[in-house]
Amino acid sequence: MLDKLKAIENRYIELTEQMNDPKITGDMKRYIKINRDFKELTPIIEAYHVYRDVCANIDHAKVLLTTEKDDEMREMAKEELELLTAKRIEMEEDIRLMLIPSDPQDVKNAIMEIRAGTGGDEASIFAGDLYRMYTRYCETRKWKAEMVDFTEGTAGGFKEIIFNVSGEGAYGQLKYESGVHRVQRVPDTETQGRVHTSAASVAVLPEADEFEVEIKPADIRKDTFCSSGPGGQSVNTTYSAIRLTHIPSGIVASCQDEKSQMKNFDKAMKVLRSRLFELEHNKYLEEISKKRNTMISTGDRSAKIRTYNWAQSRVTDHRINMSLYNLSAILDGDIQSLIDALQLAENAERLKAAVS
């Protein structure tokens, strides 16, 4: 482990020098990658320096025990040695986990897509509940959630809604939400009080920047149309909404949230770029799932990951068999405990895969 840490420190020093090199600072694409690698290594280097100091203090305490004649000083050295040894063991476990390669996309912003599935109007209402849950969660994390595009449900909620989440590490936290979310409750439209099961799918994409995905202007068809839904006087009067079609792949991205056509174009481009990036990113996710028999972070849109049961006030995450009986709090954005548990399970799998 020490050899690996020393190699990482050498790489960290090299990155520091490169970030101050005028040749590299002039190449924005290369500089962004180096800066991202530098940020990723910083926590490991900081932990390594603390660990190195702890090891040095342990050696010093051992020397005192063998050379010191004063009984009181020897007792103090013994107590310090016990504390430092326990700290070293704890730090070694933490550093081993930090040394396992993480998803390089985790630090990025996220693009979230929620779509109503089976269940008709009730599915659209549930998609609206999920959107509210995520925006509330973003508020607790001090992240910015910006709507990109939406299609409202006939009885409320959304048939489809797409929004950006901007914040440090947003994708790394929200990626666990990808999959099918199922709801079991009595819909408002149900006259006989029967419980219905409906579903909505959630897709979470890492936001790709222009340096990662190059899109040729000639490959894009741009269409404009009138906005629909909430938006003030400009709705249905100006062609501010944008639809972009990437001709080679057939991928489409739309935005109608802003009154400005230019702002809608920029937001639609973010989504289009991220969907193109997703094609390559999915190959990486497939490799993960081959190495680890897990559904935790594969981003599989078709996998049923969670059930929200109204009658029992229960939320069950099927990937880790975890049930919580605080449905109202979770729908109000209190999902961190679920994400933490999923992260812990994934880390355990990563550690097991690294050892085997």
Protein backbone atom coordinates (compact mmCIF):
# COMPACT_ATOMS: atom_id res chain seq x y z
CA MET A 1 0.00 0.00 0.00
CA LEU A 2 2.82 2.40 0.84
CA ASP A 3 4.42 1.85 -2.58
CA LYS A 4 1.11 2.68 -4.24
CA LEU A 5 0.70 5.81 -2.10
CA LYS A 6 4.21 6.95 -2.94
CA ALA A 7 3.50 6.50 -6.65
CA ILE A 8 0.29 8.52 -6.31
CA GLU A 9 2.22 11.27 -4.51
CA ASN A 10 4.70 11.41 -7.39
CA ARG A 11 1.81 11.66 -9.84
CA TYR A 12 0.26 14.41 -7.70
CA ILE A 13 3.52 16.41 -7.78
CA GLU A 14 3.67 15.92 -11.56
CA LEU A 15 0.08 17.19 -11.97
CA THR A 16 0.86 20.23 -9.78
CA GLU A 17 3.78 21.12 -12.06
CA GLN A 18 1.69 20.60 -15.20
CA MET A 19 -1.06 22.92 -13.91
CA ASN A 20 1.54 25.70 -13.71
CA ASP A 21 2.96 24.97 -17.17
CA PRO A 22 1.94 27.73 -19.66
CA LYS A 23 1.86 25.19 -22.52
CA ILE A 24 -0.80 23.18 -20.71
CA THR A 25 -2.82 26.10 -19.35
CA GLY A 26 -3.19 27.25 -22.96
CA ASP A 27 -4.77 23.92 -23.93
CA MET A 28 -8.16 24.11 -22.20
CA LYS A 29 -9.21 20.53 -22.95
CA ARG A 30 -6.00 19.10 -21.49
CA TYR A 31 -6.01 21.52 -18.54
CA ILE A 32 -9.56 20.53 -17.53
CA LYS A 33 -8.59 16.84 -17.49
CA ILE A 34 -5.43 17.51 -15.45
CA ASN A 35 -7.36 19.68 -13.00
CA ARG A 36 -9.99 16.94 -12.59
CA ASP A 37 -7.27 14.31 -11.93
CA PHE A 38 -5.60 16.69 -9.45
CA LYS A 39 -8.86 17.16 -7.52
CA GLU A 40 -9.47 13.41 -7.46
CA LEU A 41 -6.04 12.69 -5.96
CA THR A 42 -6.07 15.52 -3.39
CA PRO A 43 -8.12 13.67 -0.67
CA ILE A 44 -5.85 10.60 -1.00
CA ILE A 45 -2.69 12.71 -0.68
CA GLU A 46 -4.07 14.56 2.35
CA ALA A 47 -4.95 11.24 4.02
CA TYR A 48 -1.52 9.83 3.12
CA HIS A 49 0.28 12.76 4.77
CA VAL A 50 -1.73 12.33 7.97
CA TYR A 51 -1.10 8.57 7.88
CA ARG A 52 2.63 9.15 7.39
CA ASP A 53 2.71 11.47 10.43
CA VAL A 54 0.85 8.86 12.52
CA CYS A 55 3.39 6.18 11.53
CA ALA A 56 6.27 8.52 12.41
CA ASN A 57 4.73 9.24 15.83
CA ILE A 58 4.30 5.49 16.43
CA ASP A 59 8.01 4.97 15.75
CA HIS A 60 8.85 7.82 18.11
CA ALA A 61 6.64 6.35 20.88
CA LYS A 62 8.32 2.94 20.45
CA VAL A 63 11.76 4.55 20.82
CA LEU A 64 10.64 6.29 24.01
CA LEU A 65 9.42 2.97 25.47
CA THR A 66 12.81 1.35 24.93
CA THR A 67 15.03 4.30 25.97
CA GLU A 68 13.08 6.31 28.54
CA LYS A 69 13.95 5.60 32.20
CA ASP A 70 11.18 7.70 33.79
CA ASP A 71 8.13 5.50 34.58
CA GLU A 72 5.64 8.35 34.07
CA MET A 73 7.06 9.17 30.64
CA ARG A 74 7.03 5.47 29.70
CA GLU A 75 3.36 5.21 30.71
CA MET A 76 2.49 8.27 28.60
CA ALA A 77 4.38 6.80 25.64
CA LYS A 78 2.51 3.50 26.06
CA GLU A 79 -0.89 5.22 26.08
CA GLU A 80 0.04 7.30 23.02
CA LEU A 81 1.24 4.18 21.21
CA GLU A 82 -2.10 2.42 21.80
CA LEU A 83 -4.09 5.41 20.52
CA LEU A 84 -1.86 5.90 17.48
CA THR A 85 -1.92 2.19 16.59
CA ALA A 86 -5.73 2.19 16.64
CA LYS A 87 -5.78 5.31 14.49
CA ARG A 88 -3.33 3.76 12.02
CA ILE A 89 -5.51 0.66 11.60
CA GLU A 90 -8.59 2.83 11.03
CA MET A 91 -6.75 5.02 8.51
CA GLU A 92 -5.43 1.99 6.62
CA GLU A 93 -9.00 0.77 6.06
CA ASP A 94 -10.08 4.21 4.85
CA ILE A 95 -7.09 4.59 2.53
CA ARG A 96 -7.57 1.10 1.04
CA LEU A 97 -11.08 2.14 0.06
CA MET A 98 -9.84 5.45 -1.34
CA LEU A 99 -7.27 3.61 -3.48
CA ILE A 100 -9.96 1.64 -5.32
CA PRO A 101 -10.63 3.46 -8.60
CA SER A 102 -13.88 5.41 -8.43
CA ASP A 103 -16.19 6.36 -11.25
CA PRO A 104 -14.50 9.42 -12.80
CA GLN A 105 -17.93 10.81 -13.61
CA ASP A 106 -18.97 11.03 -9.93
CA VAL A 107 -17.76 14.62 -9.49
CA LYS A 108 -19.93 15.92 -12.32
CA ASN A 109 -23.28 17.67 -12.50
CA ALA A 110 -26.23 15.44 -13.37
CA ILE A 111 -29.08 15.42 -15.85
CA MET A 112 -32.20 13.65 -14.58
CA GLU A 113 -35.07 12.31 -16.66
CA ILE A 114 -38.29 11.07 -15.05
CA ARG A 115 -40.90 9.33 -17.21
CA ALA A 116 -44.31 7.99 -16.26
CA GLY A 117 -44.59 4.25 -16.90
CA THR A 118 -47.44 1.81 -16.37
CA GLY A 119 -50.44 3.19 -14.52
CA GLY A 120 -51.86 5.97 -16.71
CA ASP A 121 -52.70 9.20 -14.89
CA GLU A 122 -51.53 7.78 -11.56
CA ALA A 123 -48.07 7.13 -13.04
CA SER A 124 -47.85 10.76 -14.17
CA ILE A 125 -48.86 11.96 -10.70
CA PHE A 126 -46.20 9.70 -9.18
CA ALA A 127 -43.59 11.09 -11.62
CA GLY A 128 -44.50 14.53 -10.23
CA ASP A 129 -44.02 13.21 -6.67
CA LEU A 130 -40.55 11.95 -7.59
CA TYR A 131 -39.64 15.28 -9.20
CA ARG A 132 -40.65 17.09 -6.01
CA MET A 133 -38.65 14.57 -3.92
CA TYR A 134 -35.49 15.21 -5.94
CA THR A 135 -35.82 18.99 -6.01
CA ARG A 136 -36.29 18.99 -2.23
CA TYR A 137 -33.21 16.78 -1.87
CA CYS A 138 -31.24 19.21 -4.06
CA GLU A 139 -32.28 22.05 -1.76
CA THR A 140 -30.85 20.22 1.27
CA ARG A 141 -27.57 19.73 -0.60
CA LYS A 142 -27.55 23.35 -1.80
CA TRP A 143 -27.54 22.15 -5.41
CA LYS A 144 -29.27 24.01 -8.22
CA ALA A 145 -32.06 22.17 -10.07
CA GLU A 146 -33.10 23.69 -13.41
CA MET A 147 -35.98 22.38 -15.49
CA VAL A 148 -35.14 21.67 -19.13
CA ASP A 149 -38.23 20.12 -20.71
CA PHE A 150 -41.52 18.60 -19.59
CA THR A 151 -44.83 17.17 -20.72
CA GLU A 152 -47.59 17.55 -18.15
CA GLY A 153 -49.93 14.71 -17.22
CA THR A 154 -53.63 15.10 -17.94
CA ALA A 155 -54.52 14.71 -14.23
CA GLY A 156 -51.39 16.38 -12.81
CA GLY A 157 -47.75 15.49 -12.50
CA PHE A 158 -45.68 14.80 -15.60
CA LYS A 159 -45.63 12.29 -18.41
CA GLU A 160 -41.98 13.26 -18.77
CA ILE A 161 -39.70 15.80 -17.14
CA ILE A 162 -36.00 16.54 -17.65
CA PHE A 163 -33.91 18.77 -15.37
CA ASN A 164 -30.28 19.64 -14.69
CA VAL A 165 -28.73 19.34 -11.24
CA SER A 166 -25.63 21.52 -10.70
CA GLY A 167 -23.46 20.85 -7.67
CA GLU A 168 -20.19 19.22 -6.66
CA GLY A 169 -20.57 15.45 -6.89
CA ALA A 170 -24.25 15.55 -7.90
CA TYR A 171 -23.97 12.63 -10.32
CA GLY A 172 -22.02 10.53 -7.79
CA GLN A 173 -24.94 10.77 -5.36
CA LEU A 174 -27.91 10.72 -7.73
CA LYS A 175 -26.72 7.91 -10.03
CA TYR A 176 -28.16 5.38 -7.58
CA GLU A 177 -31.65 6.63 -8.46
CA SER A 178 -31.55 5.25 -12.02
CA GLY A 179 -34.15 2.56 -12.59
CA VAL A 180 -37.85 1.86 -12.18
CA HIS A 181 -39.61 3.28 -9.11
CA ARG A 182 -42.89 1.58 -8.21
CA VAL A 183 -45.75 3.05 -6.17
CA GLN A 184 -48.52 1.14 -4.39
CA ARG A 185 -51.45 3.29 -3.25
CA VAL A 186 -55.12 4.09 -3.76
CA PRO A 187 -55.32 6.71 -6.52
CA ASP A 188 -57.56 9.75 -6.11
CA THR A 189 -59.50 8.55 -9.15
CA GLU A 190 -60.24 5.14 -7.58
CA THR A 191 -63.86 5.03 -6.34
CA GLN A 192 -63.76 1.60 -4.67
CA GLY A 193 -60.62 2.14 -2.61
CA ARG A 194 -58.51 -0.46 -4.39
CA VAL A 195 -54.73 -0.27 -4.24
CA HIS A 196 -53.10 0.26 -7.63
CA THR A 197 -49.48 -0.34 -8.62
CA SER A 198 -47.95 2.23 -10.96
CA ALA A 199 -44.41 3.02 -12.01
CA ALA A 200 -42.09 5.75 -13.24
CA SER A 201 -38.58 5.38 -14.62
CA VAL A 202 -35.67 7.58 -13.60
CA ALA A 203 -32.50 8.02 -15.66
CA VAL A 204 -29.49 9.91 -14.31
CA LEU A 205 -26.76 10.98 -16.72
CA PRO A 206 -23.41 12.63 -15.98
CA GLU A 207 -23.35 16.04 -17.63
CA ALA A 208 -20.80 15.95 -20.45
CA ASP A 209 -18.90 19.12 -21.28
CA GLU A 210 -18.02 20.29 -24.76
CA PHE A 211 -14.44 19.07 -24.39
CA GLU A 212 -15.59 15.47 -23.92
CA VAL A 213 -18.15 15.29 -26.72
CA GLU A 214 -17.54 17.16 -29.93
CA ILE A 215 -20.69 17.75 -31.98
CA LYS A 216 -20.36 19.07 -35.50
CA PRO A 217 -22.88 21.83 -36.31
CA ALA A 218 -23.62 20.11 -39.62
CA ASP A 219 -24.81 17.03 -37.71
CA ILE A 220 -27.56 18.93 -35.86
CA ARG A 221 -31.03 19.78 -37.12
CA LYS A 222 -32.61 22.61 -35.13
CA ASP A 223 -36.40 23.03 -34.95
CA THR A 224 -38.25 25.77 -33.10
CA PHE A 225 -41.77 25.59 -31.69
CA CYS A 226 -44.05 27.35 -29.20
CA SER A 227 -43.67 26.55 -25.52
CA SER A 228 -46.50 24.85 -23.66
CA GLY A 229 -47.50 24.83 -20.02
CA PRO A 230 -46.47 27.38 -17.36
CA GLY A 231 -44.32 30.26 -18.53
CA GLY A 232 -46.14 33.57 -18.71
CA GLN A 233 -47.12 35.71 -21.67
CA SER A 234 -44.59 34.22 -24.09
CA VAL A 235 -46.22 30.77 -23.95
CA ASN A 236 -47.78 29.75 -27.30
CA THR A 237 -46.91 33.18 -28.80
CA THR A 238 -43.18 32.98 -29.61
CA TYR A 239 -41.09 30.19 -31.11
CA SER A 240 -38.65 30.09 -28.21
CA ALA A 241 -38.70 26.32 -27.58
CA ILE A 242 -35.89 24.32 -29.22
CA ARG A 243 -35.69 20.77 -30.49
CA LEU A 244 -32.27 19.46 -31.53
CA THR A 245 -31.82 16.26 -33.53
CA HIS A 246 -28.40 14.66 -33.84
CA ILE A 247 -28.69 13.28 -37.38
CA PRO A 248 -26.03 10.48 -37.22
CA SER A 249 -27.49 8.92 -34.05
CA GLY A 250 -31.11 10.08 -34.23
CA ILE A 251 -30.92 11.31 -30.62
CA VAL A 252 -33.32 14.18 -29.85
CA ALA A 253 -33.15 16.80 -27.08
CA SER A 254 -35.67 19.58 -26.41
CA CYS A 255 -35.95 22.56 -24.09
CA GLN A 256 -38.86 24.94 -23.57
CA ASP A 257 -38.27 26.17 -20.02
CA GLU A 258 -36.70 29.54 -20.86
CA LYS A 259 -38.27 32.49 -22.68
CA SER A 260 -35.00 33.02 -24.58
CA GLN A 261 -34.43 30.78 -27.60
CA MET A 262 -30.66 31.02 -27.03
CA LYS A 263 -30.96 29.80 -23.41
CA ASN A 264 -33.19 26.94 -24.50
CA PHE A 265 -30.63 26.04 -27.18
CA ASP A 266 -27.81 25.92 -24.60
CA LYS A 267 -29.83 23.71 -22.25
CA ALA A 268 -30.88 21.37 -25.08
CA MET A 269 -27.24 21.09 -26.17
CA LYS A 270 -26.25 20.01 -22.65
CA VAL A 271 -28.83 17.24 -22.75
CA LEU A 272 -27.87 16.17 -26.28
CA ARG A 273 -24.18 16.12 -25.41
CA SER A 274 -24.86 14.07 -22.29
CA ARG A 275 -27.03 11.56 -24.14
CA LEU A 276 -24.28 11.04 -26.70
CA PHE A 277 -21.75 10.70 -23.89
CA GLU A 278 -24.08 8.15 -22.25
CA LEU A 279 -23.59 5.77 -25.18
CA GLU A 280 -19.88 5.50 -24.33
CA HIS A 281 -20.44 5.69 -20.57
CA ASN A 282 -22.80 2.69 -20.72
CA LYS A 283 -19.94 0.56 -22.04
CA TYR A 284 -18.01 1.47 -18.89
CA LEU A 285 -21.02 0.63 -16.71
CA GLU A 286 -21.42 -2.74 -18.45
CA GLU A 287 -17.79 -3.54 -17.62
CA ILE A 288 -18.51 -2.77 -13.96
CA SER A 289 -21.53 -5.08 -13.91
CA LYS A 290 -19.46 -7.90 -15.46
CA LYS A 291 -16.84 -7.60 -12.74
CA ARG A 292 -19.35 -7.17 -9.92
CA ASN A 293 -22.69 -8.94 -9.83
CA THR A 294 -24.54 -5.77 -8.89
CA MET A 295 -27.35 -3.50 -10.01
CA ILE A 296 -26.32 -0.70 -7.67
CA SER A 297 -24.57 1.61 -10.08
CA THR A 298 -25.18 0.19 -13.54
CA GLY A 299 -27.84 2.79 -14.30
CA ASP A 300 -30.14 0.13 -15.76
CA ARG A 301 -33.36 1.95 -16.61
CA SER A 302 -35.41 -1.26 -16.75
CA ALA A 303 -34.49 -2.59 -13.31
CA LYS A 304 -37.11 -2.26 -10.56
CA ILE A 305 -35.10 -0.63 -7.81
CA ARG A 306 -37.56 0.76 -5.26
CA THR A 307 -41.17 0.47 -4.06
CA TYR A 308 -43.14 3.20 -2.25
CA ASN A 309 -46.02 1.65 -0.29
CA TRP A 310 -48.52 4.25 0.96
CA ALA A 311 -50.60 1.94 3.21
CA GLN A 312 -47.56 0.87 5.24
CA SER A 313 -45.67 4.20 4.92
CA ARG A 314 -42.83 2.00 3.68
CA VAL A 315 -40.07 2.53 1.14
CA THR A 316 -38.10 -0.57 0.09
CA ASP A 317 -34.93 -0.53 -1.96
CA HIS A 318 -34.76 -3.96 -3.60
CA ARG A 319 -31.05 -3.82 -4.45
CA ILE A 320 -29.98 -3.93 -0.81
CA ASN A 321 -33.23 -5.25 0.76
CA MET A 322 -33.56 -2.12 2.88
CA SER A 323 -36.96 -0.91 4.12
CA LEU A 324 -37.64 2.42 5.82
CA TYR A 325 -40.96 3.38 7.39
CA ASN A 326 -40.79 7.12 6.87
CA LEU A 327 -42.45 7.51 3.47
CA SER A 328 -43.57 11.13 3.97
CA ALA A 329 -40.06 12.27 4.97
CA ILE A 330 -38.49 10.47 2.00
CA LEU A 331 -40.96 12.02 -0.45
CA ASP A 332 -40.04 15.36 1.13
CA GLY A 333 -36.44 14.84 0.02
CA ASP A 334 -34.94 12.89 2.93
CA ILE A 335 -33.26 10.24 0.74
CA GLN A 336 -29.66 10.59 1.96
CA SER A 337 -29.87 7.51 4.21
CA LEU A 338 -30.89 5.40 1.20
CA ILE A 339 -28.09 6.81 -0.94
CA ASP A 340 -25.55 6.31 1.87
CA ALA A 341 -26.60 2.65 2.27
CA LEU A 342 -26.31 2.07 -1.50
CA GLN A 343 -22.91 3.75 -1.54
CA LEU A 344 -21.75 1.57 1.36
CA ALA A 345 -22.91 -1.58 -0.44
CA GLU A 346 -21.13 -0.54 -3.62
CA ASN A 347 -17.93 0.28 -1.74
CA ALA A 348 -18.01 -3.17 -0.11
CA GLU A 349 -18.33 -4.75 -3.56
CA ARG A 350 -15.50 -2.60 -4.92
CA LEU A 351 -13.27 -3.60 -2.00
CA LYS A 352 -14.12 -7.29 -2.46
CA ALA A 353 -13.41 -7.08 -6.21
CA ALA A 354 -10.08 -5.34 -5.58
CA VAL A 355 -8.93 -8.01 -3.12
CA SER A 356 -10.02 -11.01 -5.22
